[in-house]
Amino acid sequence: MSKEPTGLDADFFVSPAERDPIKATREPARALPKRFYKEAVAGPAEGGYGVFLDGRPVNTPARRPLVAPAQPLAEAIAAEWARQGETIDPATMPLTKLMNTALDGIAAQMAEVEAEVAKYVASDLICYRAGEPEGLAAAQAAAWDPLIAFARDKLGAKLALAEGVMFIEQPQEALDAIARALREYVGEGAGAPLRLAALNVMTTLTGSAIIALATALHRIDARSAWDAANVDEDWQMRAWGADDEAMARRLARFREFEAAATLSRHSTPD
């Protein structure tokens, strides 16, 4: 049996939104490729643990070896491949997509991505509170005050709070403290791009670098973090009801957040 690396088109795991929008409108919809393997497993590989389809190692779209630093991470990625049916659907493989992004993209622009994550602190979700209704203000306080305390007590960042949506400038000392915490968490080595990719996704999905850091540092689990990020939306749904399409989109975003939390948790060597 050939042991040559296997993979799919270079842009197969790239969402339509990430492609050239003008070019995308001229292209026919892409059919999902048929599943071409029987078995997907994790196993030892150079530099860590790889994913193997019928014994052949999986590569990223840029033909880099898809190698995880820890066995549980490789097993979680292999499980995504194993769950595929007759076709391979990237929408159901958020962890694989995130690994590809980390290895093919973020690894080459670490400083830029870290700076983007740090920027969120200046207008972090948990710093902007509702004055009314009273129930919403109480729900925000219950979910976000412990995170403010985490930033103050564990990261050394005393964040300012605002009522409403008017911008409030954060103390430079707080911004510097969060930037240091980001750098310390990301660190160096083969796992650094993975940790930064996870932080980037968790931050952009929640609008909060504090929620992302709290998740990455195991101060809050993925479900609790997601609930904290969606306090306002949950309040609106209780008041006006839930929309099925909106809930489906939210579930898809949570799966991405959950994949990022998994990547964060298992991005250090065994």
Protein backbone atom coordinates (compact mmCIF):
# COMPACT_ATOMS: atom_id res chain seq x y z
CA MET A 1 0.00 0.00 0.00
CA SER A 2 1.26 3.45 -0.87
CA LYS A 3 2.14 5.59 2.12
CA GLU A 4 2.21 8.85 0.18
CA PRO A 5 0.45 11.70 2.02
CA THR A 6 -3.16 12.19 1.08
CA GLY A 7 -5.09 15.42 0.91
CA LEU A 8 -7.73 17.41 -0.93
CA ASP A 9 -7.70 20.50 -3.10
CA ALA A 10 -5.68 23.36 -1.63
CA ASP A 11 -8.81 25.45 -1.03
CA PHE A 12 -11.18 22.63 -0.12
CA PHE A 13 -11.28 23.61 3.55
CA VAL A 14 -11.59 27.32 2.77
CA SER A 15 -15.10 28.66 3.24
CA PRO A 16 -16.76 30.63 0.41
CA ALA A 17 -16.54 33.77 2.55
CA GLU A 18 -12.76 33.42 2.70
CA ARG A 19 -12.34 33.08 -1.06
CA ASP A 20 -12.31 35.91 -3.60
CA PRO A 21 -16.01 36.94 -3.55
CA ILE A 22 -16.02 38.09 -7.18
CA LYS A 23 -14.36 34.92 -8.41
CA ALA A 24 -16.70 32.84 -6.26
CA THR A 25 -19.78 34.30 -7.99
CA ARG A 26 -18.44 33.09 -11.35
CA GLU A 27 -17.71 29.57 -10.19
CA PRO A 28 -20.30 26.78 -10.02
CA ALA A 29 -21.07 25.37 -6.61
CA ARG A 30 -18.48 22.80 -5.67
CA ALA A 31 -19.73 19.27 -5.12
CA LEU A 32 -18.51 17.57 -2.00
CA PRO A 33 -15.88 14.95 -2.82
CA LYS A 34 -16.64 11.31 -2.20
CA ARG A 35 -15.07 9.62 0.79
CA PHE A 36 -12.00 7.81 -0.54
CA TYR A 37 -10.90 5.90 2.56
CA LYS A 38 -12.29 3.29 4.91
CA GLU A 39 -10.43 3.97 8.13
CA ALA A 40 -9.23 7.15 9.84
CA VAL A 41 -6.93 6.75 12.85
CA ALA A 42 -4.35 8.71 14.82
CA GLY A 43 -0.83 7.44 15.27
CA PRO A 44 2.76 8.45 15.99
CA ALA A 45 4.40 10.67 13.37
CA GLU A 46 7.53 12.75 13.12
CA GLY A 47 7.10 15.67 15.50
CA GLY A 48 4.03 14.30 17.29
CA TYR A 49 0.91 12.46 16.19
CA GLY A 50 -0.58 12.34 12.72
CA VAL A 51 -3.88 11.36 11.16
CA PHE A 52 -3.85 8.40 8.79
CA LEU A 53 -6.46 7.46 6.19
CA ASP A 54 -6.05 3.78 5.32
CA GLY A 55 -2.46 4.10 6.47
CA ARG A 56 -1.64 7.24 4.49
CA PRO A 57 -0.81 10.43 6.42
CA VAL A 58 -3.02 13.48 5.99
CA ASN A 59 -1.49 16.75 4.83
CA THR A 60 -2.77 20.31 5.10
CA PRO A 61 -4.00 22.01 1.91
CA ALA A 62 -0.49 23.52 1.55
CA ARG A 63 0.96 19.98 1.73
CA ARG A 64 2.41 20.33 5.20
CA PRO A 65 2.15 17.27 7.43
CA LEU A 66 -0.94 17.54 9.61
CA VAL A 67 0.79 16.66 12.89
CA ALA A 68 -0.56 17.39 16.36
CA PRO A 69 1.70 17.76 19.39
CA ALA A 70 -0.55 15.62 21.61
CA GLN A 71 -2.27 12.30 20.96
CA PRO A 72 -5.76 13.35 22.16
CA LEU A 73 -5.75 16.18 19.60
CA ALA A 74 -4.78 13.85 16.76
CA GLU A 75 -7.50 11.44 17.88
CA ALA A 76 -10.10 14.21 17.87
CA ILE A 77 -9.09 15.20 14.32
CA ALA A 78 -9.15 11.58 13.18
CA ALA A 79 -12.64 11.25 14.66
CA GLU A 80 -13.85 14.07 12.37
CA TRP A 81 -12.58 12.14 9.35
CA ALA A 82 -14.05 8.90 10.64
CA ARG A 83 -17.50 10.47 11.06
CA GLN A 84 -17.76 11.46 7.40
CA GLY A 85 -20.36 9.64 5.34
CA GLU A 86 -20.33 8.99 1.62
CA THR A 87 -18.95 12.48 1.03
CA ILE A 88 -16.50 14.70 2.93
CA ASP A 89 -18.07 17.88 4.28
CA PRO A 90 -15.64 20.48 5.72
CA ALA A 91 -18.53 22.15 7.55
CA THR A 92 -18.56 19.17 9.90
CA MET A 93 -14.78 19.23 10.45
CA PRO A 94 -14.04 22.44 12.41
CA LEU A 95 -10.98 21.03 14.16
CA THR A 96 -9.38 19.90 10.91
CA LYS A 97 -10.04 23.31 9.37
CA LEU A 98 -8.55 25.09 12.37
CA MET A 99 -5.42 22.93 12.29
CA ASN A 100 -5.01 23.73 8.60
CA THR A 101 -5.37 27.45 9.33
CA ALA A 102 -2.81 27.28 12.14
CA LEU A 103 -0.19 25.36 10.17
CA ASP A 104 -0.67 26.96 6.75
CA GLY A 105 -1.52 30.53 7.72
CA ILE A 106 -1.02 31.66 11.29
CA ALA A 107 2.41 30.07 11.68
CA ALA A 108 3.72 32.56 9.10
CA GLN A 109 2.18 35.68 10.69
CA MET A 110 2.26 35.14 14.42
CA ALA A 111 2.95 38.75 15.43
CA GLU A 112 0.16 40.14 13.27
CA VAL A 113 -2.46 37.70 14.55
CA GLU A 114 -1.42 38.19 18.17
CA ALA A 115 -1.77 41.95 17.73
CA GLU A 116 -5.27 41.50 16.29
CA VAL A 117 -6.34 39.42 19.28
CA ALA A 118 -4.90 41.99 21.70
CA LYS A 119 -6.88 44.77 19.98
CA TYR A 120 -10.14 43.24 21.18
CA VAL A 121 -9.34 44.18 24.76
CA ALA A 122 -9.81 47.86 23.93
CA SER A 123 -13.52 47.22 23.28
CA ASP A 124 -14.03 43.86 24.96
CA LEU A 125 -17.61 42.61 25.11
CA ILE A 126 -17.66 42.11 28.87
CA CYS A 127 -16.78 45.76 29.57
CA TYR A 128 -19.98 47.18 28.01
CA ARG A 129 -23.03 46.79 30.21
CA ALA A 130 -26.73 47.49 29.82
CA GLY A 131 -28.28 49.99 32.20
CA GLU A 132 -31.71 48.48 31.62
CA PRO A 133 -33.75 46.37 31.64
CA GLU A 134 -32.78 45.33 35.13
CA GLY A 135 -32.92 41.63 34.31
CA LEU A 136 -30.45 41.94 31.45
CA ALA A 137 -28.08 44.03 33.54
CA ALA A 138 -28.21 41.39 36.26
CA ALA A 139 -27.59 38.58 33.77
CA GLN A 140 -24.56 40.40 32.35
CA ALA A 141 -23.17 41.02 35.81
CA ALA A 142 -23.60 37.37 36.83
CA ALA A 143 -21.82 36.12 33.71
CA TRP A 144 -19.18 38.83 33.27
CA ASP A 145 -18.18 40.04 36.74
CA PRO A 146 -16.25 36.81 37.46
CA LEU A 147 -14.37 37.33 34.19
CA ILE A 148 -13.54 40.93 35.15
CA ALA A 149 -12.22 39.56 38.45
CA PHE A 150 -10.18 36.93 36.57
CA ALA A 151 -8.60 39.65 34.42
CA ARG A 152 -7.80 41.72 37.52
CA ASP A 153 -6.62 38.98 39.90
CA LYS A 154 -4.95 36.51 37.51
CA LEU A 155 -3.79 38.70 34.62
CA GLY A 156 -3.14 41.96 36.47
CA ALA A 157 -5.53 43.92 34.25
CA LYS A 158 -7.95 46.34 35.91
CA LEU A 159 -10.50 46.93 33.18
CA ALA A 160 -12.86 49.91 33.05
CA LEU A 161 -16.59 49.29 32.56
CA ALA A 162 -19.06 51.37 30.58
CA GLU A 163 -22.84 51.57 30.48
CA GLY A 164 -24.24 51.44 26.96
CA VAL A 165 -22.23 51.36 23.74
CA MET A 166 -20.23 54.56 24.04
CA PHE A 167 -16.52 53.74 23.75
CA ILE A 168 -14.50 53.83 26.94
CA GLU A 169 -10.71 53.95 26.84
CA GLN A 170 -9.01 51.19 28.79
CA PRO A 171 -6.00 51.99 31.01
CA GLN A 172 -2.74 51.34 29.18
CA GLU A 173 -1.59 49.24 32.12
CA ALA A 174 -4.52 46.89 31.58
CA LEU A 175 -3.86 46.63 27.85
CA ASP A 176 -0.19 45.88 28.51
CA ALA A 177 -1.08 43.23 31.09
CA ILE A 178 -3.38 41.41 28.66
CA ALA A 179 -0.76 41.61 25.90
CA ARG A 180 1.75 39.99 28.26
CA ALA A 181 -0.72 37.27 29.18
CA LEU A 182 -1.33 36.56 25.49
CA ARG A 183 2.38 36.26 24.77
CA GLU A 184 2.95 34.03 27.79
CA TYR A 185 0.11 31.72 26.84
CA VAL A 186 1.06 31.43 23.16
CA GLY A 187 4.71 30.86 24.02
CA GLU A 188 7.05 29.26 21.51
CA GLY A 189 7.61 25.95 19.79
CA ALA A 190 5.52 23.83 17.46
CA GLY A 191 2.36 24.32 19.49
CA ALA A 192 2.47 28.13 19.44
CA PRO A 193 0.61 28.57 16.12
CA LEU A 194 -2.06 26.15 17.34
CA ARG A 195 -2.58 28.03 20.60
CA LEU A 196 -2.73 31.36 18.80
CA ALA A 197 -5.16 29.99 16.21
CA ALA A 198 -7.40 28.78 19.02
CA LEU A 199 -7.26 32.15 20.80
CA ASN A 200 -7.97 34.01 17.59
CA VAL A 201 -11.08 31.95 16.83
CA MET A 202 -12.41 32.10 20.38
CA THR A 203 -11.86 35.86 20.51
CA THR A 204 -13.50 36.65 17.18
CA LEU A 205 -16.48 34.37 17.85
CA THR A 206 -17.19 35.90 21.26
CA GLY A 207 -15.96 39.47 20.82
CA SER A 208 -13.93 39.03 23.97
CA ALA A 209 -10.23 38.34 24.42
CA ILE A 210 -10.93 37.91 28.14
CA ILE A 211 -13.41 35.09 27.54
CA ALA A 212 -10.91 33.49 25.15
CA LEU A 213 -8.04 33.70 27.63
CA ALA A 214 -10.20 32.42 30.48
CA THR A 215 -11.10 29.41 28.34
CA ALA A 216 -7.52 28.82 27.21
CA LEU A 217 -6.25 29.00 30.79
CA HIS A 218 -8.95 26.58 32.03
CA ARG A 219 -10.73 29.15 34.19
CA ILE A 220 -14.00 28.46 32.39
CA ASP A 221 -15.19 25.58 30.20
CA ALA A 222 -16.27 25.94 26.59
CA ARG A 223 -20.02 25.79 27.25
CA SER A 224 -19.88 28.32 30.09
CA ALA A 225 -17.69 30.60 27.96
CA TRP A 226 -20.16 30.40 25.08
CA ASP A 227 -23.09 31.14 27.38
CA ALA A 228 -21.23 34.16 28.76
CA ALA A 229 -20.64 35.46 25.24
CA ASN A 230 -24.32 35.11 24.37
CA VAL A 231 -25.97 36.66 27.42
CA ASP A 232 -27.58 39.43 25.36
CA GLU A 233 -28.81 37.08 22.63
CA ASP A 234 -30.24 34.65 25.17
CA TRP A 235 -32.08 37.51 26.85
CA GLN A 236 -33.60 38.57 23.54
CA MET A 237 -34.64 35.00 22.75
CA ARG A 238 -36.39 34.65 26.09
CA ALA A 239 -38.24 37.89 25.42
CA TRP A 240 -39.09 37.42 21.72
CA GLY A 241 -38.58 33.76 20.95
CA ALA A 242 -35.90 31.91 18.99
CA ASP A 243 -35.49 31.77 15.23
CA ASP A 244 -34.66 28.32 13.87
CA GLU A 245 -32.19 29.57 11.25
CA ALA A 246 -30.47 31.82 13.76
CA MET A 247 -30.18 28.93 16.18
CA ALA A 248 -28.66 26.71 13.49
CA ARG A 249 -26.05 29.39 12.73
CA ARG A 250 -25.35 29.78 16.42
CA LEU A 251 -24.87 26.02 16.83
CA ALA A 252 -22.38 26.02 13.94
CA ARG A 253 -20.46 28.86 15.58
CA PHE A 254 -20.42 27.00 18.87
CA ARG A 255 -18.95 23.94 17.15
CA GLU A 256 -16.14 26.19 15.89
CA PHE A 257 -15.65 27.60 19.38
CA GLU A 258 -15.64 24.11 20.87
CA ALA A 259 -13.03 23.00 18.32
CA ALA A 260 -10.86 25.98 19.25
CA ALA A 261 -11.17 25.12 22.94
CA THR A 262 -10.14 21.54 22.16
CA LEU A 263 -7.15 22.76 20.14
CA SER A 264 -6.15 25.05 23.00
CA ARG A 265 -6.46 22.26 25.55
CA HIS A 266 -4.31 19.81 23.58
CA SER A 267 -1.75 22.05 21.91
CA THR A 268 1.16 21.12 24.14
CA PRO A 269 3.20 17.93 23.74
CA ASP A 270 2.28 14.78 25.69
